[in-house]
Amino acid sequence: MFALNNFELYRDNLSGLHTDYKYRYALPFEKVLDPVEKTIYFQKNWSQTITVSIGYFFVVKLIQYFMKYRSAFNLRWPLFTWNLSLALFNILGFIRFAEASCYLFSAQLFLYPLYLCTFPHLIILPTVDMIHTLLYQGIYPSLCYSVNPTDVAAYWSYLFFLSKIVELGDTLFIVLRKKRLIFLHYYHHTSVLIYSAHSGAENTGSGKAFIMMNFLAHSAMYTYFAVASYGIRLPKTVSMILTTIQTVQMFAGITVLAYVYKIKTGTNLPCQQSIQNLLFGTLLYVTFAVLFIQYFISNYFRKSDKKMK
């Protein structure tokens, strides 16, 4: 715990590594007024997410106990509304955080980016901080420099963290409907919450990549859940693709962290991510990868083998 509190950011002064990129379009509320104060607040209180996670575990067990001799709730429409709301949030988050992927594609095609990215339905959207940095400055600042701490991406980073608290509510729908609650579900929700808080405490540069990937994966996941909870039966292939996307996300995370580790240990270049956070993230992504592979095999291959027998 004490080692995890050795933050490199703001330890000796109030400076940090971040891009100075400004979004072309921003809504009035998409800004952070005092990023230093908020970051220091995370540094002092990130560990409270551990307390929340423990409390969450006992609340879930308590509800399961009370539901043991009760009939399952239907909750079809509340569940649909819940999943649809989270799907829309993650889609919007991905757009606001990563809309300029179109700039990336157009650059690869040697086309004028502004032409492709200013169609009527895209004109109100911003250029993403990370993609801009990746295109014009390279991989190193993209993964070692944090987002502009007062701009749109920082605002959506805070919303991303808050969404991890909200997503704990997923479990209520599982236990109240008396569905099977697997370890992966609990571990994933709580560990991502804790790691997001710790990463927020030092504004990790690699956090840009993780937030982008998570927004994208959860956009697809909650859209699938919304459709399923509405009562529409989807082919098994769809759920297999979703699990594959989540598994690939974990290996992508491991790759990002390996790159950051190489920068921090093999060069003299600064990189905004402590070794403690780096090891913490590596532990999570490796265990996620193992658990998702295990889940994929047990749900899609072993069941098929049983049917064949």
Protein backbone atom coordinates (compact mmCIF):
# COMPACT_ATOMS: atom_id res chain seq x y z
CA MET A 1 0.00 0.00 0.00
CA PHE A 2 2.79 2.41 0.96
CA ALA A 3 4.73 1.58 -2.23
CA LEU A 4 1.63 2.32 -4.28
CA ASN A 5 1.52 5.78 -2.71
CA ASN A 6 4.94 6.75 -4.08
CA PHE A 7 3.54 8.89 -6.88
CA GLU A 8 6.01 10.51 -9.26
CA LEU A 9 3.53 13.18 -10.33
CA TYR A 10 3.57 16.38 -8.24
CA ARG A 11 5.96 14.80 -5.73
CA ASP A 12 8.58 17.54 -5.99
CA ASN A 13 6.67 20.26 -7.84
CA LEU A 14 3.37 20.96 -9.58
CA SER A 15 4.54 20.03 -13.06
CA GLY A 16 3.65 16.95 -15.04
CA LEU A 17 4.11 15.48 -18.51
CA HIS A 18 1.11 16.18 -20.70
CA THR A 19 0.25 17.25 -24.21
CA ASP A 20 -0.84 20.82 -24.87
CA TYR A 21 -3.30 19.76 -27.54
CA LYS A 22 -6.56 21.74 -27.54
CA TYR A 23 -9.76 20.26 -28.92
CA ARG A 24 -11.21 22.13 -31.87
CA TYR A 25 -14.73 21.86 -30.46
CA ALA A 26 -15.74 21.64 -26.81
CA LEU A 27 -19.01 21.98 -24.97
CA PRO A 28 -19.04 24.54 -22.12
CA PHE A 29 -18.94 21.90 -19.39
CA GLU A 30 -16.17 19.79 -20.97
CA LYS A 31 -13.30 21.22 -18.97
CA VAL A 32 -11.41 20.69 -15.72
CA LEU A 33 -10.96 23.84 -13.66
CA ASP A 34 -8.34 22.75 -11.13
CA PRO A 35 -6.56 19.59 -12.33
CA VAL A 36 -3.79 19.76 -9.72
CA GLU A 37 -6.27 19.83 -6.85
CA LYS A 38 -8.24 16.92 -8.33
CA THR A 39 -5.10 14.86 -8.89
CA ILE A 40 -3.88 15.42 -5.34
CA TYR A 41 -7.35 14.43 -4.10
CA PHE A 42 -6.97 11.14 -5.97
CA GLN A 43 -3.51 10.66 -4.47
CA LYS A 44 -4.91 11.03 -0.97
CA ASN A 45 -8.09 9.01 -1.48
CA TRP A 46 -7.58 6.45 -4.25
CA SER A 47 -7.35 3.65 -1.67
CA GLN A 48 -10.96 4.32 -0.67
CA THR A 49 -11.90 2.36 -3.78
CA ILE A 50 -10.53 -0.72 -1.99
CA THR A 51 -12.96 -0.04 0.86
CA VAL A 52 -15.78 0.43 -1.66
CA SER A 53 -14.86 -2.87 -3.36
CA ILE A 54 -14.88 -4.78 -0.07
CA GLY A 55 -18.20 -3.22 0.88
CA TYR A 56 -19.55 -4.06 -2.57
CA PHE A 57 -18.57 -7.71 -2.08
CA PHE A 58 -20.41 -8.00 1.24
CA VAL A 59 -23.49 -6.18 -0.08
CA VAL A 60 -23.65 -8.62 -3.00
CA LYS A 61 -23.33 -11.60 -0.63
CA LEU A 62 -26.04 -10.13 1.61
CA ILE A 63 -28.43 -9.70 -1.31
CA GLN A 64 -27.69 -13.24 -2.48
CA TYR A 65 -28.54 -14.49 1.02
CA PHE A 66 -31.89 -12.67 1.06
CA MET A 67 -32.68 -13.87 -2.46
CA LYS A 68 -31.96 -17.49 -1.62
CA TYR A 69 -35.58 -18.34 -0.79
CA ARG A 70 -37.22 -15.67 -2.92
CA SER A 71 -38.34 -15.70 -6.51
CA ALA A 72 -36.12 -13.96 -9.02
CA PHE A 73 -37.12 -10.48 -10.13
CA ASN A 74 -37.89 -10.00 -13.81
CA LEU A 75 -36.41 -6.49 -14.20
CA ARG A 76 -36.56 -6.66 -17.99
CA TRP A 77 -37.23 -2.98 -18.60
CA PRO A 78 -34.97 -1.61 -15.84
CA LEU A 79 -32.19 -3.85 -17.17
CA PHE A 80 -32.78 -2.71 -20.74
CA THR A 81 -32.73 0.95 -19.65
CA TRP A 82 -29.56 0.37 -17.61
CA ASN A 83 -27.69 -1.33 -20.44
CA LEU A 84 -28.88 1.16 -23.04
CA SER A 85 -27.79 4.09 -20.86
CA LEU A 86 -24.32 2.64 -20.35
CA ALA A 87 -24.05 1.78 -24.05
CA LEU A 88 -24.86 5.36 -25.03
CA PHE A 89 -22.46 6.74 -22.43
CA ASN A 90 -19.58 4.58 -23.65
CA ILE A 91 -20.31 5.34 -27.30
CA LEU A 92 -20.34 9.06 -26.54
CA GLY A 93 -17.20 8.68 -24.42
CA PHE A 94 -15.38 6.91 -27.23
CA ILE A 95 -16.45 9.56 -29.74
CA ARG A 96 -15.37 12.42 -27.49
CA PHE A 97 -12.14 10.66 -26.56
CA ALA A 98 -11.29 9.10 -29.90
CA GLU A 99 -13.32 10.64 -32.73
CA ALA A 100 -10.18 11.60 -34.59
CA SER A 101 -9.53 8.00 -35.52
CA CYS A 102 -10.87 9.24 -38.85
CA TYR A 103 -7.83 11.54 -38.98
CA LEU A 104 -5.65 8.47 -38.50
CA PHE A 105 -7.32 6.57 -41.34
CA SER A 106 -7.26 9.54 -43.68
CA ALA A 107 -3.58 10.14 -42.91
CA GLN A 108 -2.83 6.52 -43.75
CA LEU A 109 -4.62 7.03 -47.07
CA PHE A 110 -2.64 10.23 -47.70
CA LEU A 111 -5.87 12.21 -47.85
CA TYR A 112 -6.52 15.62 -46.41
CA PRO A 113 -7.83 14.80 -42.89
CA LEU A 114 -10.04 17.85 -42.56
CA TYR A 115 -12.01 16.83 -45.65
CA LEU A 116 -12.91 13.41 -44.22
CA CYS A 117 -13.57 14.58 -40.68
CA THR A 118 -15.87 17.52 -41.23
CA PHE A 119 -18.98 15.89 -42.60
CA PRO A 120 -22.18 17.40 -41.13
CA HIS A 121 -22.56 14.58 -38.61
CA LEU A 122 -18.94 14.91 -37.43
CA ILE A 123 -18.45 18.65 -37.46
CA ILE A 124 -19.32 19.15 -33.77
CA LEU A 125 -16.85 16.49 -32.68
CA PRO A 126 -13.30 17.14 -31.48
CA THR A 127 -9.95 15.81 -32.56
CA VAL A 128 -8.71 13.30 -30.03
CA ASP A 129 -5.68 14.13 -27.95
CA MET A 130 -4.03 10.73 -28.21
CA ILE A 131 -4.49 10.19 -31.95
CA HIS A 132 -3.26 13.70 -32.64
CA THR A 133 -0.15 13.03 -30.55
CA LEU A 134 0.38 9.63 -32.17
CA LEU A 135 0.16 11.04 -35.69
CA TYR A 136 2.28 14.12 -35.22
CA GLN A 137 4.71 13.19 -32.44
CA GLY A 138 4.92 9.38 -32.39
CA ILE A 139 4.33 6.48 -30.01
CA TYR A 140 6.50 7.69 -27.13
CA PRO A 141 4.55 10.86 -26.19
CA SER A 142 1.29 9.05 -26.99
CA LEU A 143 1.93 6.56 -24.19
CA CYS A 144 4.11 8.60 -21.84
CA TYR A 145 2.43 12.01 -21.90
CA SER A 146 -0.94 12.47 -20.24
CA VAL A 147 -3.84 14.32 -21.85
CA ASN A 148 -4.14 18.09 -21.59
CA PRO A 149 -5.25 18.32 -17.91
CA THR A 150 -7.79 21.11 -18.46
CA ASP A 151 -9.31 20.05 -21.78
CA VAL A 152 -12.04 17.72 -23.07
CA ALA A 153 -10.09 14.45 -22.75
CA ALA A 154 -9.36 15.14 -19.07
CA TYR A 155 -13.06 15.79 -18.43
CA TRP A 156 -14.00 12.47 -20.01
CA SER A 157 -11.23 10.74 -18.07
CA TYR A 158 -12.97 11.76 -14.83
CA LEU A 159 -16.31 10.59 -16.21
CA PHE A 160 -14.65 7.31 -17.14
CA PHE A 161 -13.58 6.79 -13.52
CA LEU A 162 -17.05 7.63 -12.22
CA SER A 163 -18.56 5.15 -14.67
CA LYS A 164 -16.53 2.38 -13.04
CA ILE A 165 -18.41 3.09 -9.80
CA VAL A 166 -21.75 3.12 -11.61
CA GLU A 167 -20.97 -0.16 -13.37
CA LEU A 168 -20.87 -1.93 -10.01
CA GLY A 169 -24.65 -1.79 -10.36
CA ASP A 170 -24.39 -4.48 -13.06
CA THR A 171 -24.03 -7.02 -10.28
CA LEU A 172 -27.34 -6.04 -8.67
CA PHE A 173 -29.19 -7.11 -11.80
CA ILE A 174 -27.38 -10.45 -11.73
CA VAL A 175 -28.14 -11.31 -8.10
CA LEU A 176 -31.71 -9.91 -8.07
CA ARG A 177 -32.49 -12.02 -11.15
CA LYS A 178 -30.71 -14.97 -9.49
CA LYS A 179 -28.30 -15.47 -12.37
CA ARG A 180 -24.90 -17.09 -11.93
CA LEU A 181 -22.27 -14.66 -10.64
CA ILE A 182 -18.78 -15.68 -11.76
CA PHE A 183 -15.47 -14.62 -10.21
CA LEU A 184 -14.40 -12.82 -13.39
CA HIS A 185 -17.35 -10.43 -13.07
CA TYR A 186 -16.53 -9.36 -9.51
CA TYR A 187 -12.77 -9.28 -10.04
CA HIS A 188 -13.02 -7.26 -13.25
CA HIS A 189 -15.37 -4.62 -11.82
CA THR A 190 -13.47 -4.03 -8.59
CA SER A 191 -9.92 -4.21 -9.92
CA VAL A 192 -10.63 -1.81 -12.80
CA LEU A 193 -12.19 0.63 -10.33
CA ILE A 194 -9.15 0.49 -8.04
CA TYR A 195 -6.64 0.71 -10.88
CA SER A 196 -8.50 3.61 -12.50
CA ALA A 197 -8.36 5.54 -9.22
CA HIS A 198 -4.65 4.84 -8.80
CA SER A 199 -3.95 5.83 -12.41
CA GLY A 200 -5.94 9.02 -11.90
CA ALA A 201 -3.69 9.81 -8.96
CA GLU A 202 -0.74 10.17 -11.32
CA ASN A 203 -2.45 10.91 -14.66
CA THR A 204 -0.71 8.03 -16.39
CA GLY A 205 0.27 8.60 -20.00
CA SER A 206 -0.76 5.08 -21.00
CA GLY A 207 -4.17 5.74 -19.49
CA LYS A 208 -5.20 7.36 -22.78
CA ALA A 209 -4.87 4.02 -24.56
CA PHE A 210 -6.67 2.10 -21.80
CA ILE A 211 -9.59 4.53 -21.69
CA MET A 212 -9.98 4.45 -25.48
CA MET A 213 -9.97 0.65 -25.56
CA ASN A 214 -12.36 0.37 -22.63
CA PHE A 215 -14.84 2.87 -24.07
CA LEU A 216 -14.81 0.96 -27.37
CA ALA A 217 -15.18 -2.52 -25.84
CA HIS A 218 -17.92 -1.41 -23.45
CA SER A 219 -19.78 0.35 -26.26
CA ALA A 220 -20.13 -3.00 -28.00
CA MET A 221 -20.70 -4.97 -24.79
CA TYR A 222 -23.50 -2.84 -23.34
CA THR A 223 -25.15 -2.51 -26.75
CA TYR A 224 -25.22 -6.32 -26.92
CA PHE A 225 -26.63 -6.52 -23.38
CA ALA A 226 -29.30 -3.91 -24.21
CA VAL A 227 -30.42 -5.83 -27.29
CA ALA A 228 -30.44 -9.13 -25.39
CA SER A 229 -32.34 -7.69 -22.40
CA TYR A 230 -34.94 -6.26 -24.80
CA GLY A 231 -35.70 -9.85 -25.77
CA ILE A 232 -33.95 -10.15 -29.12
CA ARG A 233 -32.03 -13.40 -29.47
CA LEU A 234 -28.66 -12.92 -31.09
CA PRO A 235 -26.45 -15.64 -32.62
CA LYS A 236 -23.88 -17.19 -30.32
CA THR A 237 -21.23 -15.88 -32.69
CA VAL A 238 -21.93 -12.33 -31.49
CA SER A 239 -21.10 -13.13 -27.86
CA MET A 240 -17.99 -15.00 -29.01
CA ILE A 241 -16.84 -11.93 -30.93
CA LEU A 242 -17.43 -9.73 -27.87
CA THR A 243 -15.39 -12.02 -25.64
CA THR A 244 -12.65 -12.07 -28.28
CA ILE A 245 -12.62 -8.25 -28.38
CA GLN A 246 -12.26 -8.11 -24.59
CA THR A 247 -9.46 -10.71 -24.65
CA VAL A 248 -7.59 -8.84 -27.40
CA GLN A 249 -7.99 -5.68 -25.31
CA MET A 250 -6.11 -7.36 -22.46
CA PHE A 251 -3.20 -8.38 -24.68
CA ALA A 252 -3.10 -4.87 -26.14
CA GLY A 253 -2.88 -3.54 -22.59
CA ILE A 254 0.02 -5.86 -21.82
CA THR A 255 1.80 -4.63 -24.96
CA VAL A 256 1.32 -0.99 -23.98
CA LEU A 257 2.67 -1.62 -20.48
CA ALA A 258 5.66 -3.54 -21.87
CA TYR A 259 6.51 -0.54 -24.04
CA VAL A 260 6.25 1.85 -21.08
CA TYR A 261 8.45 -0.46 -18.99
CA LYS A 262 11.06 -0.46 -21.76
CA ILE A 263 11.02 3.35 -21.86
CA LYS A 264 11.34 3.70 -18.08
CA THR A 265 14.08 1.11 -17.61
CA GLY A 266 15.96 1.21 -20.91
CA THR A 267 16.11 4.92 -21.71
CA ASN A 268 16.58 8.25 -20.00
CA LEU A 269 13.29 9.56 -21.36
CA PRO A 270 10.68 10.68 -18.82
CA CYS A 271 7.39 8.81 -18.79
CA GLN A 272 4.39 9.72 -16.66
CA GLN A 273 3.70 6.39 -14.98
CA SER A 274 5.31 5.07 -11.82
CA ILE A 275 6.87 1.61 -11.71
CA GLN A 276 4.35 0.72 -8.99
CA ASN A 277 1.40 1.60 -11.22
CA LEU A 278 3.08 -0.18 -14.11
CA LEU A 279 3.45 -3.42 -12.15
CA PHE A 280 -0.08 -3.06 -10.77
CA GLY A 281 -1.46 -2.68 -14.29
CA THR A 282 0.60 -5.58 -15.63
CA LEU A 283 -0.72 -7.87 -12.89
CA LEU A 284 -4.29 -6.92 -13.75
CA TYR A 285 -3.96 -7.26 -17.51
CA VAL A 286 -2.18 -10.62 -17.30
CA THR A 287 -4.81 -12.04 -14.94
CA PHE A 288 -7.59 -10.56 -17.09
CA ALA A 289 -6.11 -12.24 -20.18
CA VAL A 290 -5.94 -15.60 -18.41
CA LEU A 291 -9.48 -15.31 -17.01
CA PHE A 292 -11.01 -14.22 -20.32
CA ILE A 293 -9.29 -17.06 -22.18
CA GLN A 294 -10.55 -19.48 -19.54
CA TYR A 295 -14.06 -17.99 -19.83
CA PHE A 296 -13.96 -18.28 -23.63
CA ILE A 297 -12.91 -21.93 -23.55
CA SER A 298 -15.40 -22.96 -20.85
CA ASN A 299 -18.34 -21.16 -22.47
CA TYR A 300 -17.82 -21.80 -26.16
CA PHE A 301 -15.69 -24.92 -26.53
CA ARG A 302 -16.51 -27.16 -23.57
CA LYS A 303 -20.25 -26.61 -24.06
CA SER A 304 -19.89 -27.57 -27.71
CA ASP A 305 -18.00 -30.72 -26.70
CA LYS A 306 -20.77 -31.67 -24.25
CA LYS A 307 -23.43 -31.23 -26.95
CA MET A 308 -21.46 -33.45 -29.33
CA LYS A 309 -21.29 -36.16 -26.68
